[in-house]
Amino acid sequence: MENYQHNFELVFKHYYSRLCHYACKFIDEDYVAEDIVQEIFSNLWEKQFDLDSEATLKAYLFRSVHNRCLNYINYRKITDKHHKILQDKFALMELEYYGSDHGNARSLFELEIKIDNVISTLPDQCRNVFELSRQKGLKNREIAAELNISVSVVEKHISKALRIMRDALKDYLILILLFLKIF
């Protein structure tokens, strides 16, 4: 184990910045590129990938970053499309809210639909983790045990889901605050 840790540190120091730079060629956001590279190294550590073969390791790292970047780009296309649809629905909700005697109940119902729609757009594993955490009330370690993943991966999925929820629901802040004040 000590030898693997030492080799892993050497590989990390040698490839981390190169992989981040490579990821930035696909993705404009530095923090997303770094997240992708960190996730690759996290998987490398968890799988105890063979670090002895330089050519195989290099190919694995760069191919993994390439594939994750393409997945992220496709994910962004989908979420951007859904974001536009949801913005249009929010505008409609505002009209209904301010123009109806039953605006509070209707807007709350539509907000629930919005939340469900956002949850449904999450990547499968991320959605599973989020639902187990928020809807079933499981603790991170319980989720990790149930899905056979590490607690840190559970935390990453929950953070990612919350970030997506925050971004998707930011236009609803006034409506959410109104409901909190009313109810």
N, C-alpha and C. Protein backbone atom coordinates (compact mmCIF):
# COMPACT_ATOMS: atom_id res chain seq x y z
N MET A 1 0.82 -1.19 0.00
CA MET A 1 0.00 0.00 0.00
C MET A 1 0.87 1.26 0.00
N GLU A 2 1.92 1.25 0.80
CA GLU A 2 2.81 2.43 0.84
C GLU A 2 3.44 2.68 -0.52
N ASN A 3 3.84 1.60 -1.18
CA ASN A 3 4.46 1.72 -2.49
C ASN A 3 3.45 2.29 -3.49
N TYR A 4 2.20 1.83 -3.43
CA TYR A 4 1.17 2.35 -4.33
C TYR A 4 0.94 3.84 -4.05
N GLN A 5 0.88 4.20 -2.79
CA GLN A 5 0.66 5.61 -2.43
C GLN A 5 1.80 6.48 -2.97
N HIS A 6 3.01 6.00 -2.81
CA HIS A 6 4.17 6.76 -3.30
C HIS A 6 4.09 6.91 -4.83
N ASN A 7 3.81 5.80 -5.53
CA ASN A 7 3.70 5.85 -6.99
C ASN A 7 2.55 6.74 -7.43
N PHE A 8 1.44 6.66 -6.70
CA PHE A 8 0.28 7.49 -7.01
C PHE A 8 0.64 8.98 -6.90
N GLU A 9 1.34 9.34 -5.84
CA GLU A 9 1.75 10.74 -5.65
C GLU A 9 2.64 11.20 -6.81
N LEU A 10 3.54 10.35 -7.24
CA LEU A 10 4.41 10.70 -8.36
C LEU A 10 3.60 10.90 -9.64
N VAL A 11 2.66 9.99 -9.89
CA VAL A 11 1.81 10.10 -11.07
C VAL A 11 0.99 11.37 -11.00
N PHE A 12 0.42 11.65 -9.83
CA PHE A 12 -0.40 12.85 -9.64
C PHE A 12 0.41 14.10 -9.93
N LYS A 13 1.59 14.19 -9.35
CA LYS A 13 2.44 15.38 -9.56
C LYS A 13 2.84 15.53 -11.03
N HIS A 14 3.08 14.41 -11.68
CA HIS A 14 3.53 14.44 -13.07
C HIS A 14 2.41 14.82 -14.04
N TYR A 15 1.19 14.32 -13.81
CA TYR A 15 0.12 14.46 -14.79
C TYR A 15 -0.96 15.49 -14.45
N TYR A 16 -1.11 15.86 -13.19
CA TYR A 16 -2.26 16.68 -12.80
C TYR A 16 -2.39 17.96 -13.63
N SER A 17 -1.36 18.77 -13.66
CA SER A 17 -1.46 20.05 -14.38
C SER A 17 -1.60 19.82 -15.89
N ARG A 18 -0.93 18.81 -16.41
CA ARG A 18 -1.05 18.50 -17.85
C ARG A 18 -2.48 18.10 -18.20
N LEU A 19 -3.10 17.30 -17.33
CA LEU A 19 -4.47 16.86 -17.57
C LEU A 19 -5.46 18.02 -17.44
N CYS A 20 -5.21 18.90 -16.47
CA CYS A 20 -6.08 20.08 -16.32
C CYS A 20 -5.99 20.95 -17.57
N HIS A 21 -4.80 21.16 -18.05
CA HIS A 21 -4.60 21.95 -19.26
C HIS A 21 -5.31 21.29 -20.45
N TYR A 22 -5.20 19.98 -20.55
CA TYR A 22 -5.86 19.23 -21.61
C TYR A 22 -7.38 19.38 -21.51
N ALA A 23 -7.91 19.27 -20.29
CA ALA A 23 -9.36 19.39 -20.09
C ALA A 23 -9.84 20.80 -20.45
N CYS A 24 -9.02 21.80 -20.18
CA CYS A 24 -9.40 23.19 -20.50
C CYS A 24 -9.51 23.44 -22.00
N LYS A 25 -8.93 22.56 -22.80
CA LYS A 25 -9.09 22.69 -24.25
C LYS A 25 -10.52 22.38 -24.67
N PHE A 26 -11.21 21.58 -23.86
CA PHE A 26 -12.60 21.22 -24.15
C PHE A 26 -13.59 22.11 -23.39
N ILE A 27 -13.22 22.45 -22.17
CA ILE A 27 -14.14 23.12 -21.25
C ILE A 27 -13.55 24.45 -20.83
N ASP A 28 -14.32 25.52 -20.95
CA ASP A 28 -13.83 26.86 -20.64
C ASP A 28 -13.71 27.14 -19.15
N GLU A 29 -14.42 26.40 -18.34
CA GLU A 29 -14.43 26.67 -16.90
C GLU A 29 -13.32 25.88 -16.21
N ASP A 30 -12.34 26.62 -15.67
CA ASP A 30 -11.19 25.97 -15.04
C ASP A 30 -11.59 25.05 -13.89
N TYR A 31 -12.54 25.51 -13.07
CA TYR A 31 -12.92 24.70 -11.92
C TYR A 31 -13.58 23.39 -12.35
N VAL A 32 -14.30 23.38 -13.45
CA VAL A 32 -14.91 22.15 -13.95
C VAL A 32 -13.83 21.21 -14.47
N ALA A 33 -12.86 21.77 -15.18
CA ALA A 33 -11.76 20.96 -15.68
C ALA A 33 -10.99 20.32 -14.52
N GLU A 34 -10.75 21.10 -13.48
CA GLU A 34 -10.06 20.55 -12.31
C GLU A 34 -10.89 19.48 -11.61
N ASP A 35 -12.20 19.69 -11.52
CA ASP A 35 -13.08 18.67 -10.93
C ASP A 35 -13.01 17.37 -11.71
N ILE A 36 -13.01 17.48 -13.03
CA ILE A 36 -12.94 16.27 -13.86
C ILE A 36 -11.64 15.53 -13.62
N VAL A 37 -10.54 16.25 -13.59
CA VAL A 37 -9.23 15.61 -13.38
C VAL A 37 -9.17 15.00 -11.98
N GLN A 38 -9.68 15.71 -10.99
CA GLN A 38 -9.67 15.18 -9.63
C GLN A 38 -10.51 13.91 -9.54
N GLU A 39 -11.62 13.89 -10.23
CA GLU A 39 -12.46 12.69 -10.23
C GLU A 39 -11.74 11.51 -10.88
N ILE A 40 -11.00 11.79 -11.95
CA ILE A 40 -10.22 10.74 -12.61
C ILE A 40 -9.19 10.16 -11.63
N PHE A 41 -8.50 11.04 -10.92
CA PHE A 41 -7.51 10.56 -9.95
C PHE A 41 -8.18 9.84 -8.78
N SER A 42 -9.33 10.28 -8.39
CA SER A 42 -10.07 9.60 -7.33
C SER A 42 -10.42 8.17 -7.76
N ASN A 43 -10.89 8.03 -8.99
CA ASN A 43 -11.19 6.69 -9.52
C ASN A 43 -9.93 5.85 -9.64
N LEU A 44 -8.86 6.48 -10.05
CA LEU A 44 -7.58 5.78 -10.17
C LEU A 44 -7.16 5.21 -8.81
N TRP A 45 -7.33 6.03 -7.77
CA TRP A 45 -6.96 5.60 -6.42
C TRP A 45 -7.87 4.47 -5.94
N GLU A 46 -9.18 4.63 -6.14
CA GLU A 46 -10.14 3.64 -5.66
C GLU A 46 -9.98 2.30 -6.36
N LYS A 47 -9.67 2.32 -7.65
CA LYS A 47 -9.54 1.09 -8.42
C LYS A 47 -8.15 0.47 -8.30
N GLN A 48 -7.24 1.20 -7.66
CA GLN A 48 -5.86 0.73 -7.53
C GLN A 48 -5.31 0.32 -8.91
N PHE A 49 -5.49 1.23 -9.85
CA PHE A 49 -5.07 1.02 -11.24
C PHE A 49 -3.58 0.71 -11.29
N ASP A 50 -3.17 -0.13 -12.21
CA ASP A 50 -1.76 -0.50 -12.35
C ASP A 50 -0.95 0.72 -12.79
N LEU A 51 -0.09 1.18 -11.91
CA LEU A 51 0.70 2.39 -12.17
C LEU A 51 2.06 2.08 -12.78
N ASP A 52 2.36 0.83 -12.99
CA ASP A 52 3.68 0.45 -13.47
C ASP A 52 3.87 0.67 -14.97
N SER A 53 2.83 0.53 -15.74
CA SER A 53 2.93 0.67 -17.19
C SER A 53 2.69 2.12 -17.58
N GLU A 54 3.76 2.84 -17.90
CA GLU A 54 3.68 4.27 -18.22
C GLU A 54 2.77 4.53 -19.43
N ALA A 55 2.92 3.76 -20.49
CA ALA A 55 2.14 4.00 -21.71
C ALA A 55 0.66 3.75 -21.46
N THR A 56 0.35 2.66 -20.79
CA THR A 56 -1.06 2.34 -20.49
C THR A 56 -1.66 3.38 -19.57
N LEU A 57 -0.94 3.79 -18.57
CA LEU A 57 -1.42 4.77 -17.61
C LEU A 57 -1.69 6.12 -18.29
N LYS A 58 -0.75 6.57 -19.09
CA LYS A 58 -0.91 7.85 -19.78
C LYS A 58 -2.13 7.81 -20.70
N ALA A 59 -2.27 6.74 -21.45
CA ALA A 59 -3.42 6.60 -22.35
C ALA A 59 -4.72 6.58 -21.55
N TYR A 60 -4.73 5.86 -20.46
CA TYR A 60 -5.92 5.78 -19.60
C TYR A 60 -6.29 7.17 -19.08
N LEU A 61 -5.32 7.91 -18.56
CA LEU A 61 -5.60 9.22 -17.98
C LEU A 61 -6.14 10.20 -19.03
N PHE A 62 -5.46 10.30 -20.15
CA PHE A 62 -5.89 11.26 -21.17
C PHE A 62 -7.22 10.84 -21.82
N ARG A 63 -7.44 9.55 -22.03
CA ARG A 63 -8.70 9.09 -22.60
C ARG A 63 -9.84 9.33 -21.61
N SER A 64 -9.58 9.10 -20.34
CA SER A 64 -10.60 9.32 -19.31
C SER A 64 -11.00 10.79 -19.24
N VAL A 65 -10.01 11.68 -19.25
CA VAL A 65 -10.30 13.12 -19.23
C VAL A 65 -11.08 13.51 -20.49
N HIS A 66 -10.65 13.02 -21.63
CA HIS A 66 -11.33 13.30 -22.89
C HIS A 66 -12.80 12.89 -22.81
N ASN A 67 -13.06 11.66 -22.37
CA ASN A 67 -14.43 11.16 -22.30
C ASN A 67 -15.27 11.93 -21.29
N ARG A 68 -14.70 12.24 -20.14
CA ARG A 68 -15.45 12.99 -19.13
C ARG A 68 -15.77 14.40 -19.63
N CYS A 69 -14.86 15.01 -20.34
CA CYS A 69 -15.11 16.34 -20.90
C CYS A 69 -16.26 16.29 -21.91
N LEU A 70 -16.24 15.30 -22.78
CA LEU A 70 -17.32 15.17 -23.76
C LEU A 70 -18.66 14.92 -23.06
N ASN A 71 -18.65 14.10 -22.02
CA ASN A 71 -19.87 13.86 -21.25
C ASN A 71 -20.38 15.15 -20.62
N TYR A 72 -19.46 15.95 -20.09
CA TYR A 72 -19.85 17.22 -19.47
C TYR A 72 -20.44 18.17 -20.51
N ILE A 73 -19.82 18.24 -21.68
CA ILE A 73 -20.33 19.11 -22.75
C ILE A 73 -21.74 18.70 -23.14
N ASN A 74 -21.98 17.41 -23.30
CA ASN A 74 -23.32 16.93 -23.63
C ASN A 74 -24.30 17.23 -22.51
N TYR A 75 -23.86 17.06 -21.28
CA TYR A 75 -24.69 17.37 -20.12
C TYR A 75 -25.08 18.85 -20.12
N ARG A 76 -24.13 19.73 -20.40
CA ARG A 76 -24.41 21.17 -20.42
C ARG A 76 -25.41 21.53 -21.52
N LYS A 77 -25.30 20.88 -22.66
CA LYS A 77 -26.26 21.15 -23.74
C LYS A 77 -27.67 20.82 -23.28
N ILE A 78 -27.81 19.69 -22.62
CA ILE A 78 -29.13 19.27 -22.15
C ILE A 78 -29.64 20.21 -21.07
N THR A 79 -28.79 20.53 -20.10
CA THR A 79 -29.24 21.39 -19.00
C THR A 79 -29.55 22.80 -19.49
N ASP A 80 -28.78 23.31 -20.44
CA ASP A 80 -29.06 24.64 -20.99
C ASP A 80 -30.43 24.66 -21.68
N LYS A 81 -30.72 23.59 -22.41
CA LYS A 81 -32.02 23.48 -23.08
C LYS A 81 -33.14 23.44 -22.04
N HIS A 82 -32.95 22.62 -20.99
CA HIS A 82 -33.96 22.52 -19.94
C HIS A 82 -34.09 23.84 -19.18
N HIS A 83 -32.98 24.52 -18.98
CA HIS A 83 -32.99 25.80 -18.27
C HIS A 83 -33.87 26.81 -19.02
N LYS A 84 -33.73 26.85 -20.32
CA LYS A 84 -34.54 27.78 -21.13
C LYS A 84 -36.02 27.42 -21.01
N ILE A 85 -36.34 26.15 -21.09
CA ILE A 85 -37.73 25.71 -20.95
C ILE A 85 -38.27 26.10 -19.58
N LEU A 86 -37.46 25.89 -18.56
CA LEU A 86 -37.89 26.21 -17.20
C LEU A 86 -38.03 27.71 -16.99
N GLN A 87 -37.19 28.51 -17.61
CA GLN A 87 -37.34 29.96 -17.52
C GLN A 87 -38.68 30.40 -18.12
N ASP A 88 -39.03 29.79 -19.23
CA ASP A 88 -40.31 30.11 -19.85
C ASP A 88 -41.48 29.71 -18.94
N LYS A 89 -41.36 28.55 -18.32
CA LYS A 89 -42.40 28.11 -17.40
C LYS A 89 -42.48 29.04 -16.19
N PHE A 90 -41.34 29.52 -15.72
CA PHE A 90 -41.34 30.43 -14.58
C PHE A 90 -42.05 31.73 -14.94
N ALA A 91 -41.79 32.23 -16.12
CA ALA A 91 -42.46 33.46 -16.55
C ALA A 91 -43.97 33.25 -16.56
N LEU A 92 -44.40 32.10 -17.04
CA LEU A 92 -45.82 31.76 -17.03
C LEU A 92 -46.35 31.65 -15.60
N MET A 93 -45.56 31.06 -14.72
CA MET A 93 -45.96 30.94 -13.31
C MET A 93 -46.15 32.31 -12.68
N GLU A 94 -45.26 33.23 -12.97
CA GLU A 94 -45.38 34.57 -12.41
C GLU A 94 -46.68 35.23 -12.86
N LEU A 95 -47.00 35.06 -14.14
CA LEU A 95 -48.25 35.63 -14.64
C LEU A 95 -49.45 35.01 -13.92
N GLU A 96 -49.42 33.70 -13.77
CA GLU A 96 -50.52 33.01 -13.09
C GLU A 96 -50.58 33.39 -11.62
N TYR A 97 -49.44 33.53 -11.00
CA TYR A 97 -49.38 33.85 -9.56
C TYR A 97 -49.96 35.22 -9.29
N TYR A 98 -49.58 36.19 -10.07
CA TYR A 98 -50.03 37.55 -9.82
C TYR A 98 -51.41 37.83 -10.43
N GLY A 99 -51.89 36.92 -11.28
CA GLY A 99 -53.16 37.18 -11.93
C GLY A 99 -54.27 36.25 -11.49
N SER A 100 -54.09 35.48 -10.41
CA SER A 100 -55.09 34.49 -10.02
C SER A 100 -55.33 34.52 -8.52
N ASP A 101 -56.57 34.28 -8.12
CA ASP A 101 -56.89 34.19 -6.69
C ASP A 101 -56.24 32.97 -6.06
N HIS A 102 -55.99 31.97 -6.85
CA HIS A 102 -55.41 30.73 -6.35
C HIS A 102 -53.93 30.64 -6.72
N GLY A 103 -53.30 31.78 -6.92
CA GLY A 103 -51.91 31.83 -7.36
C GLY A 103 -50.96 31.11 -6.45
N ASN A 104 -51.13 31.23 -5.13
CA ASN A 104 -50.19 30.60 -4.19
C ASN A 104 -50.15 29.09 -4.36
N ALA A 105 -51.31 28.47 -4.37
CA ALA A 105 -51.37 27.01 -4.49
C ALA A 105 -50.86 26.56 -5.85
N ARG A 106 -51.29 27.25 -6.89
CA ARG A 106 -50.88 26.88 -8.25
C ARG A 106 -49.37 27.05 -8.41
N SER A 107 -48.81 28.17 -7.94
CA SER A 107 -47.38 28.42 -8.07
C SER A 107 -46.56 27.41 -7.27
N LEU A 108 -47.07 27.07 -6.09
CA LEU A 108 -46.37 26.06 -5.29
C LEU A 108 -46.36 24.73 -6.01
N PHE A 109 -47.47 24.37 -6.59
CA PHE A 109 -47.56 23.12 -7.35
C PHE A 109 -46.59 23.15 -8.52
N GLU A 110 -46.54 24.27 -9.24
CA GLU A 110 -45.64 24.38 -10.38
C GLU A 110 -44.17 24.38 -9.93
N LEU A 111 -43.90 24.96 -8.76
CA LEU A 111 -42.54 24.93 -8.24
C LEU A 111 -42.14 23.49 -7.92
N GLU A 112 -43.06 22.73 -7.36
CA GLU A 112 -42.78 21.31 -7.10
C GLU A 112 -42.49 20.57 -8.40
N ILE A 113 -43.25 20.87 -9.44
CA ILE A 113 -43.01 20.25 -10.74
C ILE A 113 -41.63 20.64 -11.25
N LYS A 114 -41.28 21.90 -11.08
CA LYS A 114 -39.96 22.39 -11.51
C LYS A 114 -38.85 21.63 -10.79
N ILE A 115 -39.01 21.47 -9.49
CA ILE A 115 -38.00 20.75 -8.71
C ILE A 115 -37.90 19.31 -9.19
N ASP A 116 -39.02 18.66 -9.42
CA ASP A 116 -39.02 17.28 -9.92
C ASP A 116 -38.36 17.20 -11.29
N ASN A 117 -38.63 18.19 -12.13
CA ASN A 117 -38.01 18.20 -13.47
C ASN A 117 -36.49 18.35 -13.37
N VAL A 118 -36.04 19.22 -12.50
CA VAL A 118 -34.60 19.41 -12.33
C VAL A 118 -33.96 18.13 -11.82
N ILE A 119 -34.60 17.50 -10.84
CA ILE A 119 -34.07 16.24 -10.31
C ILE A 119 -34.00 15.19 -11.40
N SER A 120 -34.99 15.15 -12.26
CA SER A 120 -35.01 14.14 -13.33
C SER A 120 -33.90 14.36 -14.36
N THR A 121 -33.36 15.58 -14.45
CA THR A 121 -32.29 15.84 -15.41
C THR A 121 -30.90 15.52 -14.85
N LEU A 122 -30.83 15.21 -13.56
CA LEU A 122 -29.53 14.89 -12.97
C LEU A 122 -29.00 13.59 -13.57
N PRO A 123 -27.68 13.45 -13.67
CA PRO A 123 -27.11 12.17 -14.11
C PRO A 123 -27.60 11.05 -13.18
N ASP A 124 -27.73 9.84 -13.71
CA ASP A 124 -28.34 8.74 -12.97
C ASP A 124 -27.78 8.54 -11.57
N GLN A 125 -26.48 8.38 -11.47
CA GLN A 125 -25.88 8.12 -10.15
C GLN A 125 -26.09 9.31 -9.21
N CYS A 126 -25.94 10.50 -9.75
CA CYS A 126 -26.13 11.73 -8.96
C CYS A 126 -27.57 11.80 -8.46
N ARG A 127 -28.53 11.49 -9.34
CA ARG A 127 -29.94 11.52 -8.97
C ARG A 127 -30.24 10.46 -7.89
N ASN A 128 -29.69 9.26 -8.06
CA ASN A 128 -29.91 8.20 -7.06
C ASN A 128 -29.41 8.64 -5.70
N VAL A 129 -28.20 9.18 -5.65
CA VAL A 129 -27.62 9.63 -4.39
C VAL A 129 -28.46 10.75 -3.78
N PHE A 130 -28.85 11.71 -4.60
CA PHE A 130 -29.64 12.84 -4.11
C PHE A 130 -30.98 12.38 -3.55
N GLU A 131 -31.65 11.50 -4.27
CA GLU A 131 -32.95 11.01 -3.80
C GLU A 131 -32.82 10.22 -2.51
N LEU A 132 -31.78 9.39 -2.40
CA LEU A 132 -31.57 8.64 -1.16
C LEU A 132 -31.29 9.59 0.01
N SER A 133 -30.59 10.67 -0.28
CA SER A 133 -30.23 11.62 0.77
C SER A 133 -31.42 12.49 1.16
N ARG A 134 -32.04 13.12 0.18
CA ARG A 134 -33.05 14.13 0.48
C ARG A 134 -34.46 13.58 0.61
N GLN A 135 -34.78 12.56 -0.16
CA GLN A 135 -36.14 12.06 -0.12
C GLN A 135 -36.32 10.89 0.85
N LYS A 136 -35.28 10.06 0.98
CA LYS A 136 -35.37 8.94 1.92
C LYS A 136 -34.67 9.22 3.23
N GLY A 137 -33.89 10.32 3.29
CA GLY A 137 -33.27 10.74 4.53
C GLY A 137 -32.09 9.88 4.99
N LEU A 138 -31.46 9.16 4.06
CA LEU A 138 -30.31 8.34 4.43
C LEU A 138 -29.08 9.20 4.66
N LYS A 139 -28.22 8.76 5.56
CA LYS A 139 -26.95 9.44 5.81
C LYS A 139 -25.96 9.05 4.71
N ASN A 140 -24.93 9.88 4.54
CA ASN A 140 -23.95 9.66 3.47
C ASN A 140 -23.32 8.28 3.54
N ARG A 141 -22.98 7.83 4.74
CA ARG A 141 -22.34 6.52 4.86
C ARG A 141 -23.31 5.40 4.52
N GLU A 142 -24.60 5.59 4.80
CA GLU A 142 -25.61 4.59 4.45
C GLU A 142 -25.79 4.52 2.93
N ILE A 143 -25.75 5.68 2.29
CA ILE A 143 -25.86 5.73 0.83
C ILE A 143 -24.64 5.06 0.21
N ALA A 144 -23.47 5.37 0.74
CA ALA A 144 -22.23 4.78 0.22
C ALA A 144 -22.29 3.25 0.32
N ALA A 145 -22.76 2.75 1.45
CA ALA A 145 -22.85 1.30 1.63
C ALA A 145 -23.87 0.69 0.67
N GLU A 146 -25.00 1.35 0.50
CA GLU A 146 -26.06 0.81 -0.37
C GLU A 146 -25.64 0.79 -1.84
N LEU A 147 -24.92 1.83 -2.27
CA LEU A 147 -24.54 1.94 -3.68
C LEU A 147 -23.12 1.42 -3.95
N ASN A 148 -22.45 0.98 -2.89
CA ASN A 148 -21.09 0.45 -3.01
C ASN A 148 -20.13 1.48 -3.62
N ILE A 149 -20.19 2.70 -3.08
CA ILE A 149 -19.28 3.77 -3.48
C ILE A 149 -18.72 4.40 -2.20
N SER A 150 -17.72 5.24 -2.33
CA SER A 150 -17.13 5.87 -1.15
C SER A 150 -17.99 7.05 -0.67
N VAL A 151 -17.81 7.42 0.58
CA VAL A 151 -18.54 8.54 1.16
C VAL A 151 -18.17 9.83 0.42
N SER A 152 -16.91 9.97 0.04
CA SER A 152 -16.50 11.19 -0.68
C SER A 152 -17.20 11.30 -2.04
N VAL A 153 -17.44 10.19 -2.70
CA VAL A 153 -18.17 10.22 -3.96
C VAL A 153 -19.63 10.61 -3.71
N VAL A 154 -20.20 10.11 -2.62
CA VAL A 154 -21.56 10.49 -2.24
C VAL A 154 -21.61 12.00 -2.02
N GLU A 155 -20.65 12.54 -1.29
CA GLU A 155 -20.61 13.97 -1.01
C GLU A 155 -20.49 14.78 -2.31
N LYS A 156 -19.67 14.29 -3.25
CA LYS A 156 -19.51 14.99 -4.53
C LYS A 156 -20.83 15.01 -5.30
N HIS A 157 -21.54 13.87 -5.30
CA HIS A 157 -22.81 13.81 -6.01
C HIS A 157 -23.84 14.74 -5.38
N ILE A 158 -23.89 14.78 -4.06
CA ILE A 158 -24.85 15.66 -3.39
C ILE A 158 -24.50 17.12 -3.68
N SER A 159 -23.23 17.46 -3.60
CA SER A 159 -22.81 18.84 -3.91
C SER A 159 -23.17 19.22 -5.34
N LYS A 160 -22.92 18.30 -6.25
CA LYS A 160 -23.23 18.55 -7.65
C LYS A 160 -24.74 18.75 -7.84
N ALA A 161 -25.54 17.89 -7.20
CA ALA A 161 -26.99 18.00 -7.33
C ALA A 161 -27.48 19.32 -6.75
N LEU A 162 -26.96 19.70 -5.60
CA LEU A 162 -27.38 20.96 -4.99
C LEU A 162 -26.97 22.16 -5.84
N ARG A 163 -25.79 22.09 -6.45
CA ARG A 163 -25.33 23.17 -7.32
C ARG A 163 -26.26 23.29 -8.53
N ILE A 164 -26.63 22.16 -9.10
CA ILE A 164 -27.54 22.17 -10.24
C ILE A 164 -28.91 22.70 -9.83
N MET A 165 -29.38 22.27 -8.66
CA MET A 165 -30.67 22.74 -8.15
C MET A 165 -30.64 24.25 -7.92
N ARG A 166 -29.56 24.73 -7.29
CA ARG A 166 -29.43 26.17 -7.05
C ARG A 166 -29.47 26.95 -8.35
N ASP A 167 -28.70 26.47 -9.33
CA ASP A 167 -28.65 27.16 -10.62
C ASP A 167 -30.02 27.15 -11.30
N ALA A 168 -30.68 26.02 -11.27
CA ALA A 168 -31.96 25.89 -11.96
C ALA A 168 -33.08 26.64 -11.26
N LEU A 169 -32.98 26.77 -9.93
CA LEU A 169 -34.06 27.40 -9.17
C LEU A 169 -33.76 28.84 -8.77
N LYS A 170 -32.67 29.40 -9.27
CA LYS A 170 -32.30 30.76 -8.86
C LYS A 170 -33.36 31.79 -9.25
N ASP A 171 -34.06 31.55 -10.34
CA ASP A 171 -35.11 32.48 -10.77
C ASP A 171 -36.36 32.37 -9.89
N TYR A 172 -36.43 31.34 -9.08
CA TYR A 172 -37.58 31.10 -8.21
C TYR A 172 -37.37 31.65 -6.81
N LEU A 173 -36.27 32.31 -6.57
CA LEU A 173 -35.94 32.77 -5.22
C LEU A 173 -37.05 33.63 -4.63
N ILE A 174 -37.56 34.56 -5.39
CA ILE A 174 -38.61 35.44 -4.88
C ILE A 174 -39.85 34.62 -4.54
N LEU A 175 -40.20 33.71 -5.40
CA LEU A 175 -41.37 32.86 -5.17
C LEU A 175 -41.17 31.99 -3.94
N ILE A 176 -39.99 31.42 -3.78
CA ILE A 176 -39.69 30.59 -2.61
C ILE A 176 -39.77 31.42 -1.35
N LEU A 177 -39.20 32.62 -1.37
CA LEU A 177 -39.26 33.49 -0.19
C LEU A 177 -40.70 33.89 0.14
N LEU A 178 -41.50 34.13 -0.89
CA LEU A 178 -42.90 34.45 -0.66
C LEU A 178 -43.62 33.29 0.02
N PHE A 179 -43.36 32.07 -0.45
CA PHE A 179 -44.00 30.91 0.16
C PHE A 179 -43.54 30.71 1.59
N LEU A 180 -42.27 30.94 1.85
CA LEU A 180 -41.78 30.79 3.22
C LEU A 180 -42.43 31.81 4.15
N LYS A 181 -42.66 33.00 3.64
CA LYS A 181 -43.28 34.04 4.45
C LYS A 181 -44.78 33.77 4.66
N ILE A 182 -45.43 33.26 3.61
CA ILE A 182 -46.86 32.99 3.66
C ILE A 182 -47.18 31.79 4.53
N PHE A 183 -46.41 30.72 4.38
CA PHE A 183 -46.74 29.47 5.07
C PHE A 183 -45.98 29.41 6.32
